[in-house]
């Protein structure tokens, strides 16, 4: 295995904490899964989920912005018929 380090547990509020030595290269603000297995603590890094962009506050911010017409596809026949008034019901 790798280098062995010693860390001491301490009381932090209503929890018990263990400081991880910086030499291990653990990033701050990372989430970890912790298990108690056969008398040993097992730490596993959780997968980091990329935050999603919230675009709800962008609506209406660019006044006068015109959306260009798309010319890279053919118009649907139903759209053409509705525009020309040839819709049968």
PDB file of N, CA and C in Angstrom:
ATOM      1  N   UNK A   1       0.835  -1.194   0.000  1.00  0.00           N
ATOM      2  CA  UNK A   1       0.000   0.000   0.000  1.00  0.00           C
ATOM      3  C   UNK A   1       0.871   1.245   0.000  1.00  0.00           C
ATOM      4  N   UNK A   2       0.292   2.397   0.296  1.00  0.00           N
ATOM      5  CA  UNK A   2       1.026   3.660   0.273  1.00  0.00           C
ATOM      6  C   UNK A   2       1.533   4.046   1.650  1.00  0.00           C
ATOM      7  N   UNK A   3       1.865   5.307   1.752  1.00  0.00           N
ATOM      8  CA  UNK A   3       2.354   5.884   3.008  1.00  0.00           C
ATOM      9  C   UNK A   3       1.256   5.829   4.061  1.00  0.00           C
ATOM     10  N   UNK A   4       1.614   5.533   5.295  1.00  0.00           N
ATOM     11  CA  UNK A   4       0.650   5.488   6.399  1.00  0.00           C
ATOM     12  C   UNK A   4       0.757   6.764   7.209  1.00  0.00           C
ATOM     13  N   UNK A   5      -0.398   7.336   7.544  1.00  0.00           N
ATOM     14  CA  UNK A   5      -0.465   8.564   8.333  1.00  0.00           C
ATOM     15  C   UNK A   5      -1.257   8.284   9.599  1.00  0.00           C
ATOM     16  N   UNK A   6      -1.031   9.085  10.632  1.00  0.00           N
ATOM     17  CA  UNK A   6      -1.778   8.977  11.880  1.00  0.00           C
ATOM     18  C   UNK A   6      -2.605  10.236  12.053  1.00  0.00           C
ATOM     19  N   UNK A   7      -3.875  10.058  12.393  1.00  0.00           N
ATOM     20  CA  UNK A   7      -4.764  11.183  12.642  1.00  0.00           C
ATOM     21  C   UNK A   7      -5.543  10.900  13.916  1.00  0.00           C
ATOM     22  N   UNK A   8      -5.862  11.937  14.657  1.00  0.00           N
ATOM     23  CA  UNK A   8      -6.574  11.786  15.925  1.00  0.00           C
ATOM     24  C   UNK A   8      -7.983  12.344  15.773  1.00  0.00           C
ATOM     25  N   UNK A   9      -8.951  11.647  16.304  1.00  0.00           N
ATOM     26  CA  UNK A   9     -10.330  12.136  16.256  1.00  0.00           C
ATOM     27  C   UNK A   9     -10.516  13.195  17.335  1.00  0.00           C
ATOM     28  N   UNK A  10     -11.465  14.104  17.083  1.00  0.00           N
ATOM     29  CA  UNK A  10     -11.755  15.164  18.053  1.00  0.00           C
ATOM     30  C   UNK A  10     -13.227  15.532  17.963  1.00  0.00           C
ATOM     31  N   UNK A  11     -13.733  16.189  18.994  1.00  0.00           N
ATOM     32  CA  UNK A  11     -15.128  16.603  19.066  1.00  0.00           C
ATOM     33  C   UNK A  11     -15.294  17.916  18.302  1.00  0.00           C
ATOM     34  N   UNK A  12     -16.291  17.978  17.440  1.00  0.00           N
ATOM     35  CA  UNK A  12     -16.603  19.182  16.677  1.00  0.00           C
ATOM     36  C   UNK A  12     -18.114  19.376  16.732  1.00  0.00           C
ATOM     37  N   UNK A  13     -18.562  20.236  17.634  1.00  0.00           N
ATOM     38  CA  UNK A  13     -20.007  20.400  17.852  1.00  0.00           C
ATOM     39  C   UNK A  13     -20.581  19.127  18.430  1.00  0.00           C
ATOM     40  N   UNK A  14     -21.614  18.581  17.811  1.00  0.00           N
ATOM     41  CA  UNK A  14     -22.205  17.315  18.253  1.00  0.00           C
ATOM     42  C   UNK A  14     -21.680  16.135  17.445  1.00  0.00           C
ATOM     43  N   UNK A  15     -20.601  16.335  16.700  1.00  0.00           N
ATOM     44  CA  UNK A  15     -20.027  15.280  15.866  1.00  0.00           C
ATOM     45  C   UNK A  15     -18.609  14.967  16.307  1.00  0.00           C
ATOM     46  N   UNK A  16     -18.091  13.875  15.778  1.00  0.00           N
ATOM     47  CA  UNK A  16     -16.693  13.530  15.954  1.00  0.00           C
ATOM     48  C   UNK A  16     -16.056  13.682  14.582  1.00  0.00           C
ATOM     49  N   UNK A  17     -14.880  14.315  14.524  1.00  0.00           N
ATOM     50  CA  UNK A  17     -14.220  14.586  13.250  1.00  0.00           C
ATOM     51  C   UNK A  17     -12.812  14.016  13.260  1.00  0.00           C
ATOM     52  N   UNK A  18     -12.301  13.756  12.065  1.00  0.00           N
ATOM     53  CA  UNK A  18     -10.920  13.323  11.880  1.00  0.00           C
ATOM     54  C   UNK A  18     -10.336  14.202  10.779  1.00  0.00           C
ATOM     55  N   UNK A  19      -9.205  14.828  11.058  1.00  0.00           N
ATOM     56  CA  UNK A  19      -8.535  15.639  10.033  1.00  0.00           C
ATOM     57  C   UNK A  19      -7.769  14.708   9.101  1.00  0.00           C
ATOM     58  N   UNK A  20      -7.873  14.984   7.800  1.00  0.00           N
ATOM     59  CA  UNK A  20      -7.159  14.194   6.801  1.00  0.00           C
ATOM     60  C   UNK A  20      -5.896  14.962   6.425  1.00  0.00           C
ATOM     61  N   UNK A  21      -4.729  14.326   6.497  1.00  0.00           N
ATOM     62  CA  UNK A  21      -3.488  15.029   6.149  1.00  0.00           C
ATOM     63  C   UNK A  21      -3.508  15.533   4.701  1.00  0.00           C
ATOM     64  N   UNK A  22      -2.993  16.750   4.493  1.00  0.00           N
ATOM     65  CA  UNK A  22      -2.967  17.368   3.161  1.00  0.00           C
ATOM     66  C   UNK A  22      -2.132  16.550   2.182  1.00  0.00           C
ATOM     67  N   UNK A  23      -1.177  15.791   2.682  1.00  0.00           N
ATOM     68  CA  UNK A  23      -0.309  14.989   1.818  1.00  0.00           C
ATOM     69  C   UNK A  23      -1.088  13.926   1.048  1.00  0.00           C
ATOM     70  N   UNK A  24      -2.294  13.609   1.491  1.00  0.00           N
ATOM     71  CA  UNK A  24      -3.116  12.621   0.784  1.00  0.00           C
ATOM     72  C   UNK A  24      -3.802  13.231  -0.444  1.00  0.00           C
ATOM     73  N   UNK A  25      -3.800  14.555  -0.545  1.00  0.00           N
ATOM     74  CA  UNK A  25      -4.357  15.204  -1.736  1.00  0.00           C
ATOM     75  C   UNK A  25      -5.861  15.233  -1.809  1.00  0.00           C
ATOM     76  N   UNK A  26      -6.545  15.166  -0.678  1.00  0.00           N
ATOM     77  CA  UNK A  26      -8.008  15.200  -0.663  1.00  0.00           C
ATOM     78  C   UNK A  26      -8.473  16.637  -0.876  1.00  0.00           C
ATOM     79  N   UNK A  27      -9.369  16.844  -1.865  1.00  0.00           N
ATOM     80  CA  UNK A  27      -9.882  18.185  -2.146  1.00  0.00           C
ATOM     81  C   UNK A  27     -10.900  18.597  -1.088  1.00  0.00           C
ATOM     82  N   UNK A  28     -10.936  19.882  -0.742  1.00  0.00           N
ATOM     83  CA  UNK A  28     -11.970  20.355   0.188  1.00  0.00           C
ATOM     84  C   UNK A  28     -13.339  20.358  -0.493  1.00  0.00           C
ATOM     85  N   UNK A  29     -14.383  20.347   0.289  1.00  0.00           N
ATOM     86  CA  UNK A  29     -15.772  20.401  -0.171  1.00  0.00           C
ATOM     87  C   UNK A  29     -16.167  19.213  -1.038  1.00  0.00           C
ATOM     88  N   UNK A  30     -15.562  18.100  -0.869  1.00  0.00           N
ATOM     89  CA  UNK A  30     -15.908  16.875  -1.596  1.00  0.00           C
ATOM     90  C   UNK A  30     -16.795  16.024  -0.701  1.00  0.00           C
ATOM     91  N   UNK A  31     -17.786  15.348  -1.257  1.00  0.00           N
ATOM     92  CA  UNK A  31     -18.651  14.475  -0.469  1.00  0.00           C
ATOM     93  C   UNK A  31     -18.080  13.068  -0.440  1.00  0.00           C
ATOM     94  N   UNK A  32     -18.250  12.404   0.701  1.00  0.00           N
ATOM     95  CA  UNK A  32     -17.699  11.072   0.900  1.00  0.00           C
ATOM     96  C   UNK A  32     -18.761  10.138   1.454  1.00  0.00           C
ATOM     97  N   UNK A  33     -18.699   8.892   1.074  1.00  0.00           N
ATOM     98  CA  UNK A  33     -19.536   7.832   1.630  1.00  0.00           C
ATOM     99  C   UNK A  33     -18.688   7.146   2.707  1.00  0.00           C
ATOM    100  N   UNK A  34     -19.261   6.990   3.905  1.00  0.00           N
ATOM    101  CA  UNK A  34     -18.513   6.404   5.025  1.00  0.00           C
ATOM    102  C   UNK A  34     -19.251   5.174   5.526  1.00  0.00           C
ATOM    103  N   UNK A  35     -18.517   4.079   5.665  1.00  0.00           N
ATOM    104  CA  UNK A  35     -19.088   2.824   6.180  1.00  0.00           C
ATOM    105  C   UNK A  35     -18.230   2.304   7.326  1.00  0.00           C
ATOM    106  N   UNK A  36     -18.865   1.580   8.210  1.00  0.00           N
ATOM    107  CA  UNK A  36     -18.176   0.885   9.286  1.00  0.00           C
ATOM    108  C   UNK A  36     -18.173  -0.592   8.892  1.00  0.00           C
ATOM    109  N   UNK A  37     -17.001  -1.129   8.503  1.00  0.00           N
ATOM    110  CA  UNK A  37     -16.907  -2.500   8.015  1.00  0.00           C
ATOM    111  C   UNK A  37     -15.892  -3.262   8.867  1.00  0.00           C
ATOM    112  N   UNK A  38     -16.362  -4.259   9.570  1.00  0.00           N
ATOM    113  CA  UNK A  38     -15.498  -5.123  10.385  1.00  0.00           C
ATOM    114  C   UNK A  38     -14.551  -4.319  11.281  1.00  0.00           C
ATOM    115  N   UNK A  39     -15.075  -3.285  11.939  1.00  0.00           N
ATOM    116  CA  UNK A  39     -14.267  -2.488  12.859  1.00  0.00           C
ATOM    117  C   UNK A  39     -13.389  -1.454  12.195  1.00  0.00           C
ATOM    118  N   UNK A  40     -13.542  -1.245  10.898  1.00  0.00           N
ATOM    119  CA  UNK A  40     -12.752  -0.248  10.166  1.00  0.00           C
ATOM    120  C   UNK A  40     -13.662   0.753   9.479  1.00  0.00           C
ATOM    121  N   UNK A  41     -13.232   2.012   9.458  1.00  0.00           N
ATOM    122  CA  UNK A  41     -13.950   3.024   8.686  1.00  0.00           C
ATOM    123  C   UNK A  41     -13.480   2.935   7.236  1.00  0.00           C
ATOM    124  N   UNK A  42     -14.432   2.883   6.318  1.00  0.00           N
ATOM    125  CA  UNK A  42     -14.109   2.830   4.901  1.00  0.00           C
ATOM    126  C   UNK A  42     -14.663   4.102   4.264  1.00  0.00           C
ATOM    127  N   UNK A  43     -13.779   4.886   3.655  1.00  0.00           N
ATOM    128  CA  UNK A  43     -14.172   6.128   2.992  1.00  0.00           C
ATOM    129  C   UNK A  43     -14.128   5.927   1.486  1.00  0.00           C
ATOM    130  N   UNK A  44     -15.191   6.375   0.802  1.00  0.00           N
ATOM    131  CA  UNK A  44     -15.231   6.323  -0.662  1.00  0.00           C
ATOM    132  C   UNK A  44     -15.712   7.675  -1.166  1.00  0.00           C
ATOM    133  N   UNK A  45     -14.991   8.228  -2.114  1.00  0.00           N
ATOM    134  CA  UNK A  45     -15.391   9.508  -2.703  1.00  0.00           C
ATOM    135  C   UNK A  45     -16.659   9.306  -3.523  1.00  0.00           C
ATOM    136  N   UNK A  46     -17.637  10.197  -3.314  1.00  0.00           N
ATOM    137  CA  UNK A  46     -18.852  10.144  -4.118  1.00  0.00           C
ATOM    138  C   UNK A  46     -18.586  10.807  -5.460  1.00  0.00           C
ATOM    139  N   UNK A  47     -19.298  10.367  -6.484  1.00  0.00           N
ATOM    140  CA  UNK A  47     -19.170  10.970  -7.805  1.00  0.00           C
ATOM    141  C   UNK A  47     -19.636  12.413  -7.740  1.00  0.00           C
ATOM    142  N   UNK A  48     -18.872  13.303  -8.357  1.00  0.00           N
ATOM    143  CA  UNK A  48     -19.249  14.705  -8.372  1.00  0.00           C
ATOM    144  C   UNK A  48     -20.201  14.957  -9.528  1.00  0.00           C
ATOM    145  N   UNK A  49     -21.359  15.513  -9.210  1.00  0.00           N
ATOM    146  CA  UNK A  49     -22.362  15.819 -10.220  1.00  0.00           C
ATOM    147  C   UNK A  49     -22.161  17.262 -10.649  1.00  0.00           C
ATOM    148  N   UNK A  50     -22.099  17.485 -11.955  1.00  0.00           N
ATOM    149  CA  UNK A  50     -21.939  18.843 -12.451  1.00  0.00           C
ATOM    150  C   UNK A  50     -23.222  19.621 -12.166  1.00  0.00           C
ATOM    151  N   UNK A  51     -23.097  20.830 -11.630  1.00  0.00           N
ATOM    152  CA  UNK A  51     -24.299  21.613 -11.363  1.00  0.00           C
ATOM    153  C   UNK A  51     -24.977  22.019 -12.671  1.00  0.00           C
ATOM    154  N   UNK A  52     -26.297  22.028 -12.654  1.00  0.00           N
ATOM    155  CA  UNK A  52     -27.050  22.419 -13.839  1.00  0.00           C
ATOM    156  C   UNK A  52     -27.238  23.930 -13.838  1.00  0.00           C
ATOM    157  N   UNK A  53     -27.238  24.503 -15.016  1.00  0.00           N
ATOM    158  CA  UNK A  53     -27.408  25.936 -15.162  1.00  0.00           C
ATOM    159  C   UNK A  53     -28.887  26.269 -15.069  1.00  0.00           C
ATOM    160  N   UNK A  54     -29.240  27.179 -14.155  1.00  0.00           N
ATOM    161  CA  UNK A  54     -30.626  27.614 -13.997  1.00  0.00           C
ATOM    162  C   UNK A  54     -30.858  28.804 -14.924  1.00  0.00           C
ATOM    163  N   UNK A  55     -31.601  28.582 -15.995  1.00  0.00           N
ATOM    164  CA  UNK A  55     -31.836  29.645 -16.981  1.00  0.00           C
ATOM    165  C   UNK A  55     -33.164  30.359 -16.750  1.00  0.00           C
ATOM    166  N   UNK A  56     -33.866  30.046 -15.676  1.00  0.00           N
ATOM    167  CA  UNK A  56     -35.185  30.626 -15.450  1.00  0.00           C
ATOM    168  C   UNK A  56     -35.134  32.139 -15.258  1.00  0.00           C
ATOM    169  N   UNK A  57     -34.016  32.680 -14.781  1.00  0.00           N
ATOM    170  CA  UNK A  57     -33.926  34.122 -14.539  1.00  0.00           C
ATOM    171  C   UNK A  57     -33.446  34.895 -15.766  1.00  0.00           C
ATOM    172  N   UNK A  58     -33.123  34.202 -16.859  1.00  0.00           N
ATOM    173  CA  UNK A  58     -32.671  34.868 -18.072  1.00  0.00           C
ATOM    174  C   UNK A  58     -33.822  35.337 -18.950  1.00  0.00           C
ATOM    175  N   UNK A  59     -35.018  34.793 -18.741  1.00  0.00           N
ATOM    176  CA  UNK A  59     -36.147  35.079 -19.609  1.00  0.00           C
ATOM    177  C   UNK A  59     -36.459  36.575 -19.604  1.00  0.00           C
ATOM    178  N   UNK A  60     -36.517  37.166 -20.777  1.00  0.00           N
ATOM    179  CA  UNK A  60     -36.890  38.566 -20.907  1.00  0.00           C
ATOM    180  C   UNK A  60     -35.744  39.538 -20.672  1.00  0.00           C
ATOM    181  N   UNK A  61     -34.536  39.089 -20.483  1.00  0.00           N
ATOM    182  CA  UNK A  61     -33.411  39.980 -20.190  1.00  0.00           C
ATOM    183  C   UNK A  61     -32.841  40.639 -21.442  1.00  0.00           C
ATOM    184  N   UNK A  62     -32.989  40.034 -22.592  1.00  0.00           N
ATOM    185  CA  UNK A  62     -32.435  40.579 -23.832  1.00  0.00           C
ATOM    186  C   UNK A  62     -33.576  41.136 -24.675  1.00  0.00           C
ATOM    187  N   UNK A  63     -34.029  42.319 -24.325  1.00  0.00           N
ATOM    188  CA  UNK A  63     -35.134  42.953 -25.048  1.00  0.00           C
ATOM    189  C   UNK A  63     -34.725  43.232 -26.489  1.00  0.00           C
ATOM    190  N   UNK A  64     -35.620  42.978 -27.412  1.00  0.00           N
ATOM    191  CA  UNK A  64     -35.369  43.257 -28.821  1.00  0.00           C
ATOM    192  C   UNK A  64     -34.549  42.197 -29.530  1.00  0.00           C
ATOM    193  N   UNK A  65     -34.201  41.136 -28.840  1.00  0.00           N
ATOM    194  CA  UNK A  65     -33.427  40.075 -29.473  1.00  0.00           C
ATOM    195  C   UNK A  65     -34.345  39.268 -30.382  1.00  0.00           C
ATOM    196  N   UNK A  66     -33.973  39.159 -31.628  1.00  0.00           N
ATOM    197  CA  UNK A  66     -34.764  38.404 -32.598  1.00  0.00           C
ATOM    198  C   UNK A  66     -34.128  37.037 -32.805  1.00  0.00           C
ATOM    199  N   UNK A  67     -34.940  36.000 -32.767  1.00  0.00           N
ATOM    200  CA  UNK A  67     -34.463  34.654 -33.017  1.00  0.00           C
ATOM    201  C   UNK A  67     -34.397  34.458 -34.523  1.00  0.00           C
ATOM    202  N   UNK A  68     -33.236  34.125 -35.063  1.00  0.00           N
ATOM    203  CA  UNK A  68     -33.134  33.955 -36.515  1.00  0.00           C
ATOM    204  C   UNK A  68     -33.947  32.755 -36.988  1.00  0.00           C
ATOM    205  N   UNK A  69     -34.486  32.879 -38.201  1.00  0.00           N
ATOM    206  CA  UNK A  69     -35.231  31.761 -38.768  1.00  0.00           C
ATOM    207  C   UNK A  69     -34.267  30.652 -39.134  1.00  0.00           C
ATOM    208  N   UNK A  70     -34.718  29.427 -38.936  1.00  0.00           N
ATOM    209  CA  UNK A  70     -33.866  28.287 -39.263  1.00  0.00           C
ATOM    210  C   UNK A  70     -34.107  27.882 -40.704  1.00  0.00           C
ATOM    211  N   UNK A  71     -33.044  27.686 -41.438  1.00  0.00           N
ATOM    212  CA  UNK A  71     -33.171  27.274 -42.826  1.00  0.00           C
ATOM    213  C   UNK A  71     -32.475  25.942 -43.072  1.00  0.00           C
ATOM    214  N   UNK A  72     -32.109  25.249 -41.985  1.00  0.00           N
ATOM    215  CA  UNK A  72     -31.385  23.992 -42.144  1.00  0.00           C
ATOM    216  C   UNK A  72     -32.313  22.774 -42.154  1.00  0.00           C
ATOM    217  N   UNK A  73     -33.635  23.002 -42.202  1.00  0.00           N
ATOM    218  CA  UNK A  73     -34.579  21.888 -42.299  1.00  0.00           C
ATOM    219  C   UNK A  73     -35.819  22.354 -43.056  1.00  0.00           C
ATOM    220  N   UNK A  74     -36.564  21.381 -43.597  1.00  0.00           N
ATOM    221  CA  UNK A  74     -37.797  21.695 -44.315  1.00  0.00           C
ATOM    222  C   UNK A  74     -38.927  21.862 -43.312  1.00  0.00           C
ATOM    223  N   UNK A  75     -39.836  22.751 -43.623  1.00  0.00           N
ATOM    224  CA  UNK A  75     -40.975  22.988 -42.766  1.00  0.00           C
ATOM    225  C   UNK A  75     -41.928  21.793 -42.805  1.00  0.00           C
ATOM    226  N   UNK A  76     -42.588  21.524 -41.717  1.00  0.00           N
ATOM    227  CA  UNK A  76     -43.527  20.406 -41.644  1.00  0.00           C
ATOM    228  C   UNK A  76     -44.743  20.671 -42.534  1.00  0.00           C
ATOM    229  N   UNK A  77     -45.237  19.628 -43.180  1.00  0.00           N
ATOM    230  CA  UNK A  77     -46.436  19.814 -44.016  1.00  0.00           C
ATOM    231  C   UNK A  77     -47.637  20.315 -43.205  1.00  0.00           C
ATOM    232  N   UNK A  78     -47.769  19.872 -41.956  1.00  0.00           N
ATOM    233  CA  UNK A  78     -48.901  20.320 -41.134  1.00  0.00           C
ATOM    234  C   UNK A  78     -48.796  21.815 -40.816  1.00  0.00           C
ATOM    235  N   UNK A  79     -47.582  22.319 -40.662  1.00  0.00           N
ATOM    236  CA  UNK A  79     -47.384  23.748 -40.396  1.00  0.00           C
ATOM    237  C   UNK A  79     -47.735  24.567 -41.631  1.00  0.00           C
ATOM    238  N   UNK A  80     -47.337  24.083 -42.789  1.00  0.00           N
ATOM    239  CA  UNK A  80     -47.644  24.774 -44.051  1.00  0.00           C
ATOM    240  C   UNK A  80     -49.154  24.792 -44.264  1.00  0.00           C
ATOM    241  N   UNK A  81     -49.820  23.650 -44.032  1.00  0.00           N
ATOM    242  CA  UNK A  81     -51.273  23.554 -44.224  1.00  0.00           C
ATOM    243  C   UNK A  81     -52.008  24.476 -43.245  1.00  0.00           C
ATOM    244  N   UNK A  82     -51.543  24.561 -42.001  1.00  0.00           N
ATOM    245  CA  UNK A  82     -52.209  25.414 -41.013  1.00  0.00           C
ATOM    246  C   UNK A  82     -52.051  26.884 -41.391  1.00  0.00           C
ATOM    247  N   UNK A  83     -50.889  27.249 -41.879  1.00  0.00           N
ATOM    248  CA  UNK A  83     -50.646  28.636 -42.285  1.00  0.00           C
ATOM    249  C   UNK A  83     -51.504  29.010 -43.483  1.00  0.00           C
ATOM    250  N   UNK A  84     -51.705  28.072 -44.397  1.00  0.00           N
ATOM    251  CA  UNK A  84     -52.489  28.359 -45.605  1.00  0.00           C
ATOM    252  C   UNK A  84     -53.988  28.143 -45.389  1.00  0.00           C
ATOM    253  N   UNK A  85     -54.372  27.636 -44.234  1.00  0.00           N
ATOM    254  CA  UNK A  85     -55.779  27.447 -43.924  1.00  0.00           C
ATOM    255  C   UNK A  85     -56.358  26.184 -44.523  1.00  0.00           C
ATOM    256  N   UNK A  86     -55.541  25.209 -44.842  1.00  0.00           N
ATOM    257  CA  UNK A  86     -55.999  23.965 -45.466  1.00  0.00           C
ATOM    258  C   UNK A  86     -56.115  22.832 -44.456  1.00  0.00           C
ATOM    259  N   UNK A  87     -56.434  23.148 -43.237  1.00  0.00           N
ATOM    260  CA  UNK A  87     -56.514  22.102 -42.211  1.00  0.00           C
ATOM    261  C   UNK A  87     -57.894  21.487 -42.251  1.00  0.00           C
ATOM    262  N   UNK A  88     -57.959  20.163 -42.432  1.00  0.00           N
ATOM    263  CA  UNK A  88     -59.257  19.478 -42.435  1.00  0.00           C
ATOM    264  C   UNK A  88     -59.479  18.842 -41.077  1.00  0.00           C
ATOM    265  N   UNK A  89     -60.723  18.953 -40.611  1.00  0.00           N
ATOM    266  CA  UNK A  89     -61.025  18.393 -39.274  1.00  0.00           C
ATOM    267  C   UNK A  89     -62.022  17.314 -39.372  1.00  0.00           C
TER     268      UNK A  89
END
